[in-house]
Amino acid sequence: MYPQRPQDAFASLWRNRRLALQLARRDVVGRYKGSYLGLLWSFFNPLLMLAAYTLVFGVVFKARWNTGASDSKLEFAIVLFVGLLVYGIFSECVNRAPGLVLGRANFVKRVVFPLEILPWVGLLSSLFHAVVNLLVLFTAMLFVFKGIPATAPLFVLVLLPLVLFTLGISWALAGIGVYVRDVAQTVGVITMALMFVSPIFYPAAALPEDFRWLFTVNPMAFIIEQARDVLIWGRLPDFPQLGIYILVGALVAWLGFVVFQRTRVGFSDVL
């Protein structure tokens, strides 16, 4: 039986940190291999998506955050960008999770290969792109808002529950996806629906009262709102609530790790 204690999930990463970083680097470089622009696509992809979403929601549907400022298109784009940045970390990892083991069947045959680090590799790759997006965001904020709030470093703390949630779900889906191939298609639909019930394209206050419960059961809503507070509005995060989310995220991470460790016993038989 593979180890399933909470500390084992993180101890494995520490023991295999060089391997995880090497695989994450290969994943990032391989994504743009053969293209003329290479890693520059990590800048252009989010900017192109941001331009499209800003046009649709900011110009066509005239969505606003009603911050009391001028509410220009550039300000709207920056607020929207933060939501896309945070949600992108989650959706990229979760959408790829069901195929993490399936796409590396040769690793399963190697008894000594630590399969449990594969979700870590996906997360590290996603965080690399998030850092690139963050640099783009800060550049835009210097241009539009003439500065970056002093609370911006707290963004790392705000991301902690998101990282834990993402890891837990990725572990579970990576294990289950080996046995149930339909999981990949189902996850894609769910993440798309979750994006539109998260406060990415509109403020939480814009949701009708009867549907506010969607934000309550959606952990992404709280994290996105807190990210905007520390990155844009210069407000301190809700530390008590954030602490609860971190604890719940740690529980989800551990449960997902347990699912993965228990299902991996039969990987070689299925693959």
Protein backbone atom coordinates (compact mmCIF):
# COMPACT_ATOMS: atom_id res chain seq x y z
CA MET A 1 0.00 0.00 0.00
CA TYR A 2 1.35 3.42 -0.95
CA PRO A 3 1.78 6.03 1.84
CA GLN A 4 -1.33 8.16 2.38
CA ARG A 5 -0.51 10.40 5.33
CA PRO A 6 -0.99 14.17 4.79
CA GLN A 7 2.73 14.86 5.13
CA ASP A 8 3.53 12.26 2.48
CA ALA A 9 1.92 14.40 -0.22
CA PHE A 10 4.44 17.18 0.38
CA ALA A 11 7.38 15.03 1.43
CA SER A 12 7.32 13.35 -1.98
CA LEU A 13 7.61 16.72 -3.70
CA TRP A 14 10.59 17.67 -1.55
CA ARG A 15 12.37 14.38 -2.23
CA ASN A 16 11.75 14.66 -5.95
CA ARG A 17 11.92 18.44 -6.30
CA ARG A 18 14.59 18.38 -9.01
CA LEU A 19 12.64 15.89 -11.07
CA ALA A 20 9.42 17.90 -10.64
CA LEU A 21 11.13 21.14 -11.72
CA GLN A 22 12.72 19.41 -14.69
CA LEU A 23 9.39 17.97 -15.83
CA ALA A 24 7.63 21.31 -15.31
CA ARG A 25 10.30 23.08 -17.37
CA ARG A 26 9.93 20.48 -20.11
CA ASP A 27 6.16 20.95 -20.02
CA VAL A 28 6.43 24.72 -20.40
CA VAL A 29 9.03 24.60 -23.17
CA GLY A 30 7.33 21.72 -24.96
CA ARG A 31 4.04 23.59 -25.13
CA TYR A 32 5.54 26.18 -27.48
CA LYS A 33 8.11 23.96 -29.17
CA GLY A 34 8.24 24.53 -32.92
CA SER A 35 6.44 27.88 -32.84
CA TYR A 36 8.22 31.00 -34.05
CA LEU A 37 7.37 33.08 -30.98
CA GLY A 38 8.13 30.34 -28.45
CA LEU A 39 7.62 31.42 -24.83
CA LEU A 40 6.32 34.80 -26.00
CA TRP A 41 2.99 33.01 -26.51
CA SER A 42 2.72 32.84 -22.72
CA PHE A 43 2.32 36.65 -22.91
CA PHE A 44 0.17 36.83 -26.05
CA ASN A 45 -2.36 34.08 -25.26
CA PRO A 46 -3.80 35.74 -22.12
CA LEU A 47 -3.72 39.16 -23.78
CA LEU A 48 -5.71 37.90 -26.77
CA MET A 49 -8.26 36.20 -24.51
CA LEU A 50 -8.46 39.34 -22.37
CA ALA A 51 -9.11 41.50 -25.43
CA ALA A 52 -11.92 39.18 -26.56
CA TYR A 53 -13.59 39.03 -23.13
CA THR A 54 -13.24 42.79 -22.64
CA LEU A 55 -14.91 43.40 -25.99
CA VAL A 56 -17.80 41.05 -25.25
CA PHE A 57 -18.46 41.91 -21.60
CA GLY A 58 -17.09 45.43 -21.35
CA VAL A 59 -18.33 46.83 -24.66
CA VAL A 60 -21.23 44.66 -25.82
CA PHE A 61 -22.81 43.79 -22.45
CA LYS A 62 -21.42 46.91 -20.73
CA ALA A 63 -20.50 45.10 -17.51
CA ARG A 64 -19.15 47.41 -14.81
CA TRP A 65 -17.66 47.05 -11.33
CA ASN A 66 -18.99 50.46 -10.17
CA THR A 67 -15.87 51.29 -8.20
CA GLY A 68 -16.52 55.01 -8.22
CA ALA A 69 -13.62 55.56 -10.56
CA SER A 70 -13.90 56.48 -14.21
CA ASP A 71 -14.72 52.86 -15.04
CA SER A 72 -12.75 53.05 -18.26
CA LYS A 73 -12.27 50.07 -20.55
CA LEU A 74 -8.66 49.74 -19.36
CA GLU A 75 -9.74 49.60 -15.71
CA PHE A 76 -12.39 47.04 -16.56
CA ALA A 77 -9.78 44.99 -18.41
CA ILE A 78 -7.43 44.98 -15.40
CA VAL A 79 -10.16 43.87 -13.00
CA LEU A 80 -11.21 41.18 -15.48
CA PHE A 81 -7.58 40.10 -15.93
CA VAL A 82 -7.18 39.32 -12.23
CA GLY A 83 -10.19 37.02 -12.31
CA LEU A 84 -8.91 35.25 -15.41
CA LEU A 85 -5.45 34.90 -13.89
CA VAL A 86 -6.73 33.23 -10.73
CA TYR A 87 -9.25 31.02 -12.47
CA GLY A 88 -6.70 30.05 -15.12
CA ILE A 89 -4.49 28.36 -12.51
CA PHE A 90 -7.38 26.19 -11.38
CA SER A 91 -8.93 25.39 -14.75
CA GLU A 92 -5.66 24.55 -16.51
CA CYS A 93 -4.61 22.07 -13.83
CA VAL A 94 -8.03 20.47 -13.39
CA ASN A 95 -8.70 20.12 -17.13
CA ARG A 96 -5.36 18.38 -17.64
CA ALA A 97 -5.61 16.21 -14.53
CA PRO A 98 -7.58 13.24 -15.98
CA GLY A 99 -4.87 12.70 -18.58
CA LEU A 100 -1.82 13.11 -16.37
CA VAL A 101 -1.30 9.38 -15.88
CA LEU A 102 -2.93 8.29 -19.14
CA GLY A 103 -0.52 10.44 -21.11
CA ARG A 104 2.49 8.98 -19.33
CA ALA A 105 1.75 5.27 -19.39
CA ASN A 106 5.47 4.52 -19.73
CA PHE A 107 6.04 6.06 -16.29
CA VAL A 108 3.59 3.60 -14.74
CA LYS A 109 5.75 0.68 -15.83
CA ARG A 110 8.69 2.18 -13.97
CA VAL A 111 8.25 1.02 -10.40
CA VAL A 112 10.58 3.68 -9.01
CA PHE A 113 8.89 6.65 -10.70
CA PRO A 114 6.95 8.83 -8.20
CA LEU A 115 3.64 9.18 -10.02
CA GLU A 116 2.23 11.31 -7.21
CA ILE A 117 4.34 14.30 -8.31
CA LEU A 118 2.55 14.57 -11.68
CA PRO A 119 -0.15 16.96 -10.32
CA TRP A 120 2.67 19.02 -8.81
CA VAL A 121 4.28 19.24 -12.26
CA GLY A 122 1.04 20.51 -13.78
CA LEU A 123 0.63 23.03 -10.98
CA LEU A 124 4.21 24.34 -11.31
CA SER A 125 3.71 24.78 -15.05
CA SER A 126 0.47 26.67 -14.44
CA LEU A 127 2.09 28.87 -11.78
CA PHE A 128 4.84 29.79 -14.23
CA HIS A 129 2.24 31.16 -16.63
CA ALA A 130 0.51 32.90 -13.72
CA VAL A 131 3.76 34.69 -12.85
CA VAL A 132 4.09 35.84 -16.47
CA ASN A 133 0.49 37.09 -16.40
CA LEU A 134 1.18 38.83 -13.10
CA LEU A 135 4.07 40.76 -14.67
CA VAL A 136 1.75 41.83 -17.47
CA LEU A 137 -0.84 42.88 -14.89
CA PHE A 138 1.63 44.96 -12.87
CA THR A 139 2.85 46.68 -16.03
CA ALA A 140 -0.72 47.61 -16.95
CA MET A 141 -1.44 48.83 -13.41
CA LEU A 142 1.59 51.10 -13.45
CA PHE A 143 0.26 52.59 -16.66
CA VAL A 144 -3.42 52.89 -15.65
CA PHE A 145 -3.38 53.30 -11.85
CA LYS A 146 0.14 54.83 -11.60
CA GLY A 147 1.16 52.31 -8.95
CA ILE A 148 0.78 48.92 -7.31
CA PRO A 149 -0.89 48.58 -3.85
CA ALA A 150 1.30 47.71 -0.87
CA THR A 151 -1.01 44.75 -0.23
CA ALA A 152 0.02 43.05 -3.50
CA PRO A 153 2.52 40.63 -1.82
CA LEU A 154 -0.42 39.16 0.13
CA PHE A 155 -1.56 37.66 -3.16
CA VAL A 156 0.71 34.71 -2.36
CA LEU A 157 -1.32 34.02 0.80
CA VAL A 158 -4.59 34.37 -1.10
CA LEU A 159 -3.39 31.78 -3.61
CA LEU A 160 -2.57 29.19 -0.92
CA PRO A 161 -6.11 27.74 -0.57
CA LEU A 162 -6.43 27.73 -4.37
CA VAL A 163 -3.21 25.72 -4.68
CA LEU A 164 -4.43 23.22 -2.10
CA PHE A 165 -7.88 22.87 -3.68
CA THR A 166 -6.33 22.45 -7.12
CA LEU A 167 -3.86 19.82 -5.96
CA GLY A 168 -6.53 17.76 -4.22
CA ILE A 169 -8.89 17.78 -7.18
CA SER A 170 -6.03 17.08 -9.60
CA TRP A 171 -4.87 14.05 -7.61
CA ALA A 172 -8.38 12.63 -7.46
CA LEU A 173 -9.09 13.20 -11.16
CA ALA A 174 -5.70 11.84 -12.21
CA GLY A 175 -6.43 8.59 -10.39
CA ILE A 176 -10.06 8.21 -11.40
CA GLY A 177 -9.34 9.27 -15.00
CA VAL A 178 -7.31 6.11 -15.58
CA TYR A 179 -10.39 3.94 -14.99
CA VAL A 180 -13.18 6.23 -16.24
CA ARG A 181 -12.16 7.88 -19.51
CA ASP A 182 -15.33 10.01 -19.65
CA VAL A 183 -14.06 12.09 -16.75
CA ALA A 184 -12.00 14.32 -19.07
CA GLN A 185 -15.08 15.40 -21.08
CA THR A 186 -17.18 15.92 -17.95
CA VAL A 187 -14.53 18.04 -16.25
CA GLY A 188 -14.30 20.34 -19.26
CA VAL A 189 -18.02 21.11 -19.11
CA ILE A 190 -17.97 21.65 -15.34
CA THR A 191 -15.00 24.03 -15.40
CA MET A 192 -16.62 26.06 -18.16
CA ALA A 193 -19.86 26.34 -16.17
CA LEU A 194 -17.90 27.22 -13.02
CA MET A 195 -16.17 30.06 -14.85
CA PHE A 196 -19.48 31.76 -15.61
CA VAL A 197 -20.80 31.44 -12.05
CA SER A 198 -17.61 32.97 -10.65
CA PRO A 199 -17.17 36.76 -10.33
CA ILE A 200 -14.79 36.99 -13.27
CA PHE A 201 -16.80 38.97 -15.80
CA TYR A 202 -19.05 40.76 -13.31
CA PRO A 203 -18.98 41.80 -9.64
CA ALA A 204 -20.55 39.59 -6.99
CA ALA A 205 -23.17 42.27 -6.32
CA ALA A 206 -24.47 41.93 -9.88
CA LEU A 207 -25.80 38.43 -9.22
CA PRO A 208 -29.52 38.38 -8.33
CA GLU A 209 -30.28 37.72 -4.68
CA ASP A 210 -31.87 34.36 -5.43
CA PHE A 211 -28.62 33.10 -6.94
CA ARG A 212 -26.13 34.45 -4.37
CA TRP A 213 -25.87 30.95 -2.89
CA LEU A 214 -23.83 30.00 -5.97
CA PHE A 215 -21.02 32.20 -4.68
CA THR A 216 -21.32 30.65 -1.24
CA VAL A 217 -20.73 27.10 -2.51
CA ASN A 218 -18.16 28.19 -5.10
CA PRO A 219 -14.70 28.50 -3.47
CA MET A 220 -13.38 30.28 -6.56
CA ALA A 221 -15.66 33.25 -5.88
CA PHE A 222 -14.05 34.07 -2.54
CA ILE A 223 -10.50 33.64 -3.82
CA ILE A 224 -11.09 35.82 -6.89
CA GLU A 225 -12.66 38.57 -4.79
CA GLN A 226 -9.78 38.44 -2.29
CA ALA A 227 -7.23 38.54 -5.12
CA ARG A 228 -8.80 41.74 -6.45
CA ASP A 229 -8.81 43.25 -2.98
CA VAL A 230 -5.06 42.81 -2.47
CA LEU A 231 -3.92 43.36 -6.08
CA ILE A 232 -6.15 46.25 -7.17
CA TRP A 233 -8.13 47.86 -4.36
CA GLY A 234 -5.34 47.80 -1.78
CA ARG A 235 -7.46 46.10 0.89
CA LEU A 236 -6.31 43.50 3.37
CA PRO A 237 -7.76 40.02 2.85
CA ASP A 238 -10.39 38.59 5.17
CA PHE A 239 -7.89 36.68 7.33
CA PRO A 240 -10.40 34.62 9.40
CA GLN A 241 -12.28 33.49 6.29
CA LEU A 242 -9.02 32.89 4.46
CA GLY A 243 -7.83 30.71 7.32
CA ILE A 244 -10.95 28.57 7.01
CA TYR A 245 -10.41 28.19 3.28
CA ILE A 246 -6.79 27.15 3.85
CA LEU A 247 -7.88 24.46 6.31
CA VAL A 248 -10.59 23.18 3.98
CA GLY A 249 -8.13 23.30 1.08
CA ALA A 250 -5.62 21.24 3.06
CA LEU A 251 -8.34 18.66 3.76
CA VAL A 252 -9.29 18.52 0.06
CA ALA A 253 -5.63 18.12 -0.90
CA TRP A 254 -5.17 15.23 1.50
CA LEU A 255 -8.39 13.46 0.43
CA GLY A 256 -7.41 13.81 -3.23
CA PHE A 257 -3.98 12.40 -2.44
CA VAL A 258 -5.57 9.41 -0.68
CA VAL A 259 -7.79 8.74 -3.71
CA PHE A 260 -4.77 8.83 -5.99
CA GLN A 261 -2.66 6.56 -3.81
CA ARG A 262 -5.45 4.00 -3.51
CA THR A 263 -6.32 3.95 -7.19
CA ARG A 264 -2.72 3.77 -8.43
CA VAL A 265 -2.48 0.14 -7.29
CA GLY A 266 -4.29 -0.96 -10.45
CA PHE A 267 -2.76 1.51 -12.94
CA SER A 268 -0.45 -1.06 -14.51
CA ASP A 269 -3.33 -3.48 -15.03
CA VAL A 270 -5.49 -0.92 -16.80
CA LEU A 271 -2.75 0.66 -18.89
